[in-house]
PDB file of N, CA and C in Angstrom:
ATOM      1  N   MET A   1     142.314  -3.294 -84.606  1.00  0.00           N
ATOM      2  CA  MET A   1     143.698  -3.366 -83.358  1.00  0.00           C
ATOM      3  C   MET A   1     144.399  -1.965 -83.718  1.00  0.00           C
ATOM      4  N   ALA A   2     144.957  -1.863 -82.678  1.00  0.00           N
ATOM      5  CA  ALA A   2     145.863  -0.636 -82.659  1.00  0.00           C
ATOM      6  C   ALA A   2     147.178  -0.986 -83.038  1.00  0.00           C
ATOM      7  N   ARG A   3     147.713   0.013 -83.218  1.00  0.00           N
ATOM      8  CA  ARG A   3     149.473  -0.446 -83.540  1.00  0.00           C
ATOM      9  C   ARG A   3     149.917  -0.316 -82.317  1.00  0.00           C
ATOM     10  N   PRO A   4     151.511  -1.192 -82.099  1.00  0.00           N
ATOM     11  CA  PRO A   4     151.880  -1.618 -80.900  1.00  0.00           C
ATOM     12  C   PRO A   4     152.260   0.025 -80.043  1.00  0.00           C
ATOM     13  N   GLY A   5     152.648   1.045 -80.947  1.00  0.00           N
ATOM     14  CA  GLY A   5     153.020   2.074 -80.059  1.00  0.00           C
ATOM     15  C   GLY A   5     151.804   3.046 -79.671  1.00  0.00           C
ATOM     16  N   GLN A   6     150.577   2.564 -79.939  1.00  0.00           N
ATOM     17  CA  GLN A   6     149.459   3.264 -79.508  1.00  0.00           C
ATOM     18  C   GLN A   6     149.078   2.397 -78.123  1.00  0.00           C
ATOM     19  N   LEU A   7     149.501   1.340 -77.608  1.00  0.00           N
ATOM     20  CA  LEU A   7     149.296   0.701 -76.762  1.00  0.00           C
ATOM     21  C   LEU A   7     149.948   1.180 -75.340  1.00  0.00           C
ATOM     22  N   THR A   8     150.472   2.239 -75.066  1.00  0.00           N
ATOM     23  CA  THR A   8     151.280   2.602 -73.932  1.00  0.00           C
ATOM     24  C   THR A   8     150.158   3.109 -72.972  1.00  0.00           C
ATOM     25  N   ARG A   9     150.639   3.081 -71.667  1.00  0.00           N
ATOM     26  CA  ARG A   9     149.624   3.392 -70.629  1.00  0.00           C
ATOM     27  C   ARG A   9     148.873   4.886 -71.016  1.00  0.00           C
ATOM     28  N   GLY A  10     149.761   5.725 -71.502  1.00  0.00           N
ATOM     29  CA  GLY A  10     149.251   7.108 -71.525  1.00  0.00           C
ATOM     30  C   GLY A  10     148.108   7.152 -72.785  1.00  0.00           C
ATOM     31  N   LYS A  11     148.043   6.180 -73.261  1.00  0.00           N
ATOM     32  CA  LYS A  11     146.891   6.232 -74.652  1.00  0.00           C
ATOM     33  C   LYS A  11     146.354   5.079 -74.503  1.00  0.00           C
ATOM     34  N   ALA A  12     146.117   4.544 -72.883  1.00  0.00           N
ATOM     35  CA  ALA A  12     145.119   3.528 -72.592  1.00  0.00           C
ATOM     36  C   ALA A  12     143.791   3.790 -73.125  1.00  0.00           C
ATOM     37  N   ASN A  13     143.043   2.567 -73.285  1.00  0.00           N
ATOM     38  CA  ASN A  13     141.819   2.624 -73.913  1.00  0.00           C
ATOM     39  C   ASN A  13     140.854   3.033 -72.506  1.00  0.00           C
ATOM     40  N   ARG A  14     139.939   3.790 -73.034  1.00  0.00           N
ATOM     41  CA  ARG A  14     139.127   4.409 -72.007  1.00  0.00           C
ATOM     42  C   ARG A  14     137.039   4.164 -72.397  1.00  0.00           C
ATOM     43  N   LEU A  15     136.482   3.463 -71.162  1.00  0.00           N
ATOM     44  CA  LEU A  15     135.305   3.088 -71.285  1.00  0.00           C
ATOM     45  C   LEU A  15     134.571   4.321 -71.270  1.00  0.00           C
ATOM     46  N   VAL A  16     133.645   4.633 -72.544  1.00  0.00           N
ATOM     47  CA  VAL A  16     132.978   6.124 -72.238  1.00  0.00           C
ATOM     48  C   VAL A  16     131.427   5.318 -72.365  1.00  0.00           C
ATOM     49  N   LYS A  17     130.463   6.059 -71.603  1.00  0.00           N
ATOM     50  CA  LYS A  17     128.935   5.671 -71.865  1.00  0.00           C
ATOM     51  C   LYS A  17     128.627   6.653 -72.455  1.00  0.00           C
ATOM     52  N   THR A  18     127.987   6.509 -73.825  1.00  0.00           N
ATOM     53  CA  THR A  18     127.449   7.028 -74.914  1.00  0.00           C
ATOM     54  C   THR A  18     125.934   7.699 -74.135  1.00  0.00           C
ATOM     55  N   PRO A  19     125.255   8.769 -74.842  1.00  0.00           N
ATOM     56  CA  PRO A  19     123.811   9.262 -74.716  1.00  0.00           C
ATOM     57  C   PRO A  19     123.123   8.026 -74.549  1.00  0.00           C
ATOM     58  N   GLY A  20     123.138   7.238 -75.410  1.00  0.00           N
ATOM     59  CA  GLY A  20     122.341   6.046 -75.803  1.00  0.00           C
ATOM     60  C   GLY A  20     122.265   5.075 -74.791  1.00  0.00           C
ATOM     61  N   GLY A  21     123.359   4.996 -73.888  1.00  0.00           N
ATOM     62  CA  GLY A  21     123.203   4.440 -72.997  1.00  0.00           C
ATOM     63  C   GLY A  21     124.465   3.015 -72.988  1.00  0.00           C
ATOM     64  N   LYS A  22     124.990   2.875 -74.383  1.00  0.00           N
ATOM     65  CA  LYS A  22     126.020   2.079 -74.756  1.00  0.00           C
ATOM     66  C   LYS A  22     127.664   2.364 -74.071  1.00  0.00           C
ATOM     67  N   SER A  23     128.314   1.459 -73.739  1.00  0.00           N
ATOM     68  CA  SER A  23     129.734   1.812 -73.189  1.00  0.00           C
ATOM     69  C   SER A  23     130.324   1.147 -74.306  1.00  0.00           C
ATOM     70  N   VAL A  24     130.937   2.223 -74.785  1.00  0.00           N
ATOM     71  CA  VAL A  24     132.123   2.190 -75.831  1.00  0.00           C
ATOM     72  C   VAL A  24     133.577   2.425 -75.471  1.00  0.00           C
ATOM     73  N   VAL A  25     134.475   2.059 -76.186  1.00  0.00           N
ATOM     74  CA  VAL A  25     135.843   2.146 -75.958  1.00  0.00           C
ATOM     75  C   VAL A  25     136.289   3.194 -76.453  1.00  0.00           C
ATOM     76  N   HIS A  26     136.689   4.337 -76.121  1.00  0.00           N
ATOM     77  CA  HIS A  26     137.473   5.374 -76.689  1.00  0.00           C
ATOM     78  C   HIS A  26     138.920   5.593 -76.263  1.00  0.00           C
ATOM     79  N   ARG A  27     139.638   6.025 -77.278  1.00  0.00           N
ATOM     80  CA  ARG A  27     141.281   6.287 -77.225  1.00  0.00           C
ATOM     81  C   ARG A  27     141.387   7.707 -76.874  1.00  0.00           C
ATOM     82  N   GLN A  28     142.283   7.967 -75.938  1.00  0.00           N
ATOM     83  CA  GLN A  28     142.667   9.586 -75.918  1.00  0.00           C
ATOM     84  C   GLN A  28     143.528  10.037 -76.906  1.00  0.00           C
ATOM     85  N   LYS A  29     142.892  11.069 -77.518  1.00  0.00           N
ATOM     86  CA  LYS A  29     143.794  11.760 -78.580  1.00  0.00           C
ATOM     87  C   LYS A  29     144.770  12.666 -77.735  1.00  0.00           C
ATOM     88  N   PHE A  30     145.799  12.617 -78.522  1.00  0.00           N
ATOM     89  CA  PHE A  30     147.050  13.419 -77.707  1.00  0.00           C
ATOM     90  C   PHE A  30     147.378  14.253 -79.059  1.00  0.00           C
ATOM     91  N   TYR A  31     147.851  15.868 -78.796  1.00  0.00           N
ATOM     92  CA  TYR A  31     148.211  16.549 -79.685  1.00  0.00           C
ATOM     93  C   TYR A  31     149.285  17.403 -79.133  1.00  0.00           C
ATOM     94  N   LYS A  32     149.880  17.759 -80.223  1.00  0.00           N
ATOM     95  CA  LYS A  32     151.256  18.368 -79.896  1.00  0.00           C
ATOM     96  C   LYS A  32     150.997  19.486 -79.031  1.00  0.00           C
ATOM     97  N   ALA A  33     151.945  19.732 -78.088  1.00  0.00           N
ATOM     98  CA  ALA A  33     151.639  20.975 -77.035  1.00  0.00           C
ATOM     99  C   ALA A  33     152.195  21.856 -78.005  1.00  0.00           C
ATOM    100  N   GLY A  34     151.606  23.154 -77.362  1.00  0.00           N
ATOM    101  CA  GLY A  34     152.253  24.329 -78.210  1.00  0.00           C
ATOM    102  C   GLY A  34     153.511  24.722 -77.753  1.00  0.00           C
ATOM    103  N   GLY A  35     154.587  25.495 -78.359  1.00  0.00           N
ATOM    104  CA  GLY A  35     155.451  25.997 -77.846  1.00  0.00           C
ATOM    105  C   GLY A  35     155.829  26.697 -76.581  1.00  0.00           C
ATOM    106  N   VAL A  36     156.721  26.765 -75.766  1.00  0.00           N
ATOM    107  CA  VAL A  36     156.913  27.089 -74.460  1.00  0.00           C
ATOM    108  C   VAL A  36     158.131  28.164 -74.463  1.00  0.00           C
ATOM    109  N   CYS A  37     158.300  29.158 -74.213  1.00  0.00           N
ATOM    110  CA  CYS A  37     159.157  29.997 -74.213  1.00  0.00           C
ATOM    111  C   CYS A  37     160.559  29.364 -73.136  1.00  0.00           C
ATOM    112  N   HIS A  38     161.457  29.255 -73.248  1.00  0.00           N
ATOM    113  CA  HIS A  38     162.626  28.888 -72.617  1.00  0.00           C
ATOM    114  C   HIS A  38     162.735  29.948 -71.709  1.00  0.00           C
ATOM    115  N   LEU A  39     162.875  31.205 -71.674  1.00  0.00           N
ATOM    116  CA  LEU A  39     163.434  32.128 -70.500  1.00  0.00           C
ATOM    117  C   LEU A  39     162.017  32.369 -69.797  1.00  0.00           C
ATOM    118  N   THR A  40     160.864  32.692 -70.092  1.00  0.00           N
ATOM    119  CA  THR A  40     159.718  33.148 -69.418  1.00  0.00           C
ATOM    120  C   THR A  40     158.711  31.777 -68.776  1.00  0.00           C
ATOM    121  N   GLY A  41     158.937  30.791 -69.646  1.00  0.00           N
ATOM    122  CA  GLY A  41     157.991  29.722 -69.312  1.00  0.00           C
ATOM    123  C   GLY A  41     156.530  29.919 -69.948  1.00  0.00           C
ATOM    124  N   SER A  42     156.436  30.908 -70.419  1.00  0.00           N
ATOM    125  CA  SER A  42     155.023  31.359 -71.011  1.00  0.00           C
ATOM    126  C   SER A  42     154.884  30.659 -72.339  1.00  0.00           C
ATOM    127  N   GLN A  43     153.531  30.125 -72.655  1.00  0.00           N
ATOM    128  CA  GLN A  43     153.045  29.899 -73.740  1.00  0.00           C
ATOM    129  C   GLN A  43     153.313  30.770 -75.125  1.00  0.00           C
ATOM    130  N   LEU A  44     153.997  30.070 -76.161  1.00  0.00           N
ATOM    131  CA  LEU A  44     154.332  30.739 -77.427  1.00  0.00           C
ATOM    132  C   LEU A  44     152.979  31.193 -78.043  1.00  0.00           C
ATOM    133  N   GLN A  45     152.688  31.962 -78.946  1.00  0.00           N
ATOM    134  CA  GLN A  45     151.920  32.264 -80.041  1.00  0.00           C
ATOM    135  C   GLN A  45     152.086  32.074 -81.258  1.00  0.00           C
ATOM    136  N   LEU A  46     151.769  30.772 -81.254  1.00  0.00           N
ATOM    137  CA  LEU A  46     152.330  30.063 -82.863  1.00  0.00           C
ATOM    138  C   LEU A  46     151.177  30.301 -83.775  1.00  0.00           C
ATOM    139  N   PRO A  47     151.576  30.209 -85.373  1.00  0.00           N
ATOM    140  CA  PRO A  47     150.469  30.549 -86.024  1.00  0.00           C
ATOM    141  C   PRO A  47     149.713  29.284 -86.210  1.00  0.00           C
ATOM    142  N   LYS A  48     148.152  29.056 -86.669  1.00  0.00           N
ATOM    143  CA  LYS A  48     147.613  27.938 -86.850  1.00  0.00           C
ATOM    144  C   LYS A  48     148.278  26.694 -87.417  1.00  0.00           C
ATOM    145  N   ALA A  49     149.011  27.303 -88.539  1.00  0.00           N
ATOM    146  CA  ALA A  49     149.767  26.036 -89.225  1.00  0.00           C
ATOM    147  C   ALA A  49     150.626  25.226 -88.798  1.00  0.00           C
ATOM    148  N   SER A  50     150.973  25.510 -87.169  1.00  0.00           N
ATOM    149  CA  SER A  50     151.795  25.095 -86.434  1.00  0.00           C
ATOM    150  C   SER A  50     150.996  23.848 -85.241  1.00  0.00           C
ATOM    151  N   LEU A  51     149.721  23.617 -85.731  1.00  0.00           N
ATOM    152  CA  LEU A  51     148.734  22.693 -84.915  1.00  0.00           C
ATOM    153  C   LEU A  51     148.966  21.526 -85.375  1.00  0.00           C
ATOM    154  N   TYR A  52     148.543  20.648 -84.676  1.00  0.00           N
ATOM    155  CA  TYR A  52     148.600  18.780 -85.074  1.00  0.00           C
ATOM    156  C   TYR A  52     148.614  18.323 -86.275  1.00  0.00           C
ATOM    157  N   GLY A  53     147.249  18.484 -86.785  1.00  0.00           N
ATOM    158  CA  GLY A  53     146.844  18.035 -87.961  1.00  0.00           C
ATOM    159  C   GLY A  53     147.492  18.482 -89.336  1.00  0.00           C
ATOM    160  N   LEU A  54     147.819  20.015 -88.972  1.00  0.00           N
ATOM    161  CA  LEU A  54     148.398  20.661 -90.132  1.00  0.00           C
ATOM    162  C   LEU A  54     150.054  20.821 -90.151  1.00  0.00           C
ATOM    163  N   SER A  55     150.436  20.450 -89.316  1.00  0.00           N
ATOM    164  CA  SER A  55     151.991  20.500 -89.130  1.00  0.00           C
ATOM    165  C   SER A  55     152.801  19.768 -89.766  1.00  0.00           C
ATOM    166  N   ARG A  56     152.192  18.574 -90.659  1.00  0.00           N
ATOM    167  CA  ARG A  56     153.059  17.712 -91.439  1.00  0.00           C
ATOM    168  C   ARG A  56     153.011  18.509 -92.655  1.00  0.00           C
ATOM    169  N   ARG A  57     151.865  19.013 -93.340  1.00  0.00           N
ATOM    170  CA  ARG A  57     151.671  19.450 -94.404  1.00  0.00           C
ATOM    171  C   ARG A  57     151.961  20.693 -94.596  1.00  0.00           C
ATOM    172  N   SER A  58     152.644  21.811 -93.377  1.00  0.00           N
ATOM    173  CA  SER A  58     152.916  22.878 -93.931  1.00  0.00           C
ATOM    174  C   SER A  58     154.616  23.106 -93.573  1.00  0.00           C
ATOM    175  N   SER A  59     154.956  24.364 -94.554  1.00  0.00           N
ATOM    176  CA  SER A  59     156.440  24.321 -94.408  1.00  0.00           C
ATOM    177  C   SER A  59     156.724  24.689 -92.916  1.00  0.00           C
ATOM    178  N   ARG A  60     158.119  24.781 -92.792  1.00  0.00           N
ATOM    179  CA  ARG A  60     159.005  24.962 -91.434  1.00  0.00           C
ATOM    180  C   ARG A  60     158.709  26.327 -91.164  1.00  0.00           C
ATOM    181  N   SER A  61     159.024  27.142 -92.321  1.00  0.00           N
ATOM    182  CA  SER A  61     158.820  28.478 -91.789  1.00  0.00           C
ATOM    183  C   SER A  61     157.518  29.238 -91.841  1.00  0.00           C
ATOM    184  N   SER A  62     156.541  28.530 -92.151  1.00  0.00           N
ATOM    185  CA  SER A  62     154.843  28.820 -91.826  1.00  0.00           C
ATOM    186  C   SER A  62     154.406  28.658 -90.400  1.00  0.00           C
ATOM    187  N   LYS A  63     155.563  27.729 -89.656  1.00  0.00           N
ATOM    188  CA  LYS A  63     155.177  27.283 -88.182  1.00  0.00           C
ATOM    189  C   LYS A  63     155.668  28.129 -87.024  1.00  0.00           C
ATOM    190  N   ARG A  64     156.448  29.218 -87.809  1.00  0.00           N
ATOM    191  CA  ARG A  64     157.393  30.093 -86.636  1.00  0.00           C
ATOM    192  C   ARG A  64     156.812  31.255 -87.311  1.00  0.00           C
ATOM    193  N   PRO A  65     157.264  32.373 -86.126  1.00  0.00           N
ATOM    194  CA  PRO A  65     157.052  33.779 -86.716  1.00  0.00           C
ATOM    195  C   PRO A  65     158.466  33.733 -87.024  1.00  0.00           C
ATOM    196  N   ASN A  66     158.675  34.725 -88.152  1.00  0.00           N
ATOM    197  CA  ASN A  66     159.519  34.915 -89.013  1.00  0.00           C
ATOM    198  C   ASN A  66     160.604  36.187 -88.381  1.00  0.00           C
ATOM    199  N   ARG A  67     161.259  35.816 -87.278  1.00  0.00           N
ATOM    200  CA  ARG A  67     161.870  37.010 -86.517  1.00  0.00           C
ATOM    201  C   ARG A  67     162.947  36.170 -85.526  1.00  0.00           C
ATOM    202  N   PRO A  68     164.061  37.032 -85.226  1.00  0.00           N
ATOM    203  CA  PRO A  68     165.038  36.179 -84.467  1.00  0.00           C
ATOM    204  C   PRO A  68     164.479  35.897 -83.205  1.00  0.00           C
ATOM    205  N   TYR A  69     164.962  34.689 -83.081  1.00  0.00           N
ATOM    206  CA  TYR A  69     164.471  33.839 -81.902  1.00  0.00           C
ATOM    207  C   TYR A  69     162.883  33.388 -82.128  1.00  0.00           C
ATOM    208  N   GLY A  70     162.615  33.682 -83.305  1.00  0.00           N
ATOM    209  CA  GLY A  70     160.952  32.731 -83.640  1.00  0.00           C
ATOM    210  C   GLY A  70     161.086  31.539 -83.357  1.00  0.00           C
ATOM    211  N   GLY A  71     159.857  30.804 -82.559  1.00  0.00           N
ATOM    212  CA  GLY A  71     159.486  29.918 -82.189  1.00  0.00           C
ATOM    213  C   GLY A  71     160.041  29.242 -81.070  1.00  0.00           C
ATOM    214  N   VAL A  72     161.130  29.937 -80.430  1.00  0.00           N
ATOM    215  CA  VAL A  72     161.882  29.488 -79.374  1.00  0.00           C
ATOM    216  C   VAL A  72     161.599  30.731 -77.922  1.00  0.00           C
ATOM    217  N   LEU A  73     161.440  31.797 -78.344  1.00  0.00           N
ATOM    218  CA  LEU A  73     161.352  32.661 -77.353  1.00  0.00           C
ATOM    219  C   LEU A  73     160.133  33.320 -77.566  1.00  0.00           C
ATOM    220  N   SER A  74     159.270  33.970 -76.591  1.00  0.00           N
ATOM    221  CA  SER A  74     157.985  34.970 -76.573  1.00  0.00           C
ATOM    222  C   SER A  74     158.576  36.361 -76.988  1.00  0.00           C
ATOM    223  N   SER A  75     157.541  36.708 -77.418  1.00  0.00           N
ATOM    224  CA  SER A  75     157.949  38.451 -77.992  1.00  0.00           C
ATOM    225  C   SER A  75     158.569  39.138 -77.142  1.00  0.00           C
ATOM    226  N   ALA A  76     157.874  39.252 -75.697  1.00  0.00           N
ATOM    227  CA  ALA A  76     158.557  39.904 -74.724  1.00  0.00           C
ATOM    228  C   ALA A  76     160.149  39.666 -74.499  1.00  0.00           C
ATOM    229  N   ALA A  77     160.066  38.332 -74.686  1.00  0.00           N
ATOM    230  CA  ALA A  77     161.700  37.812 -74.132  1.00  0.00           C
ATOM    231  C   ALA A  77     162.472  38.184 -75.247  1.00  0.00           C
ATOM    232  N   THR A  78     161.963  37.961 -76.458  1.00  0.00           N
ATOM    233  CA  THR A  78     162.873  38.183 -77.663  1.00  0.00           C
ATOM    234  C   THR A  78     163.201  39.704 -77.574  1.00  0.00           C
ATOM    235  N   ARG A  79     162.086  40.690 -77.529  1.00  0.00           N
ATOM    236  CA  ARG A  79     162.533  42.087 -77.126  1.00  0.00           C
ATOM    237  C   ARG A  79     163.575  42.433 -76.024  1.00  0.00           C
ATOM    238  N   ARG A  80     163.496  41.707 -74.988  1.00  0.00           N
ATOM    239  CA  ARG A  80     164.458  41.738 -74.065  1.00  0.00           C
ATOM    240  C   ARG A  80     165.920  41.460 -74.300  1.00  0.00           C
ATOM    241  N   GLU A  81     165.933  40.395 -74.991  1.00  0.00           N
ATOM    242  CA  GLU A  81     167.135  39.728 -75.493  1.00  0.00           C
ATOM    243  C   GLU A  81     167.842  40.593 -76.473  1.00  0.00           C
ATOM    244  N   ILE A  82     167.204  41.115 -77.720  1.00  0.00           N
ATOM    245  CA  ILE A  82     167.775  42.045 -78.694  1.00  0.00           C
ATOM    246  C   ILE A  82     168.131  43.491 -77.890  1.00  0.00           C
ATOM    247  N   ILE A  83     167.561  44.161 -76.820  1.00  0.00           N
ATOM    248  CA  ILE A  83     167.850  45.191 -76.467  1.00  0.00           C
ATOM    249  C   ILE A  83     169.059  44.990 -75.594  1.00  0.00           C
ATOM    250  N   THR A  84     169.481  43.626 -75.099  1.00  0.00           N
ATOM    251  CA  THR A  84     170.528  43.633 -74.110  1.00  0.00           C
ATOM    252  C   THR A  84     171.729  42.957 -75.214  1.00  0.00           C
ATOM    253  N   LYS A  85     171.602  42.649 -76.184  1.00  0.00           N
ATOM    254  CA  LYS A  85     172.616  42.512 -77.100  1.00  0.00           C
ATOM    255  C   LYS A  85     173.031  43.813 -77.833  1.00  0.00           C
ATOM    256  N   ALA A  86     172.042  44.428 -78.157  1.00  0.00           N
ATOM    257  CA  ALA A  86     172.435  45.879 -78.402  1.00  0.00           C
ATOM    258  C   ALA A  86     173.227  46.852 -77.549  1.00  0.00           C
ATOM    259  N   ARG A  87     173.057  46.643 -76.379  1.00  0.00           N
ATOM    260  CA  ARG A  87     173.682  47.463 -75.125  1.00  0.00           C
ATOM    261  C   ARG A  87     174.980  46.686 -75.139  1.00  0.00           C
ATOM    262  N   GLU A  88     175.187  45.661 -75.296  1.00  0.00           N
ATOM    263  CA  GLU A  88     176.688  45.036 -75.090  1.00  0.00           C
ATOM    264  C   GLU A  88     177.985  45.909 -75.855  1.00  0.00           C
TER     265      GLU A  88
END
């Protein structure tokens, strides 16, 4: 039996027909979405340690790039921000 938190509509049971012809119940798996840049809206290129199964076991610093705005802004947006801050 699934936990009550697993019984939401988004994680509803799906009937799937297997190659053997049987109909079995599958649960849809949800993984953490990769990071999104706040300025450009593009997907962040995060290290492999930040993926769903590894995220609990790895340290916080291994999940983000070690640079200013790491894990928040994309590299292009970071470059733009640093240049504008330097010009002020």
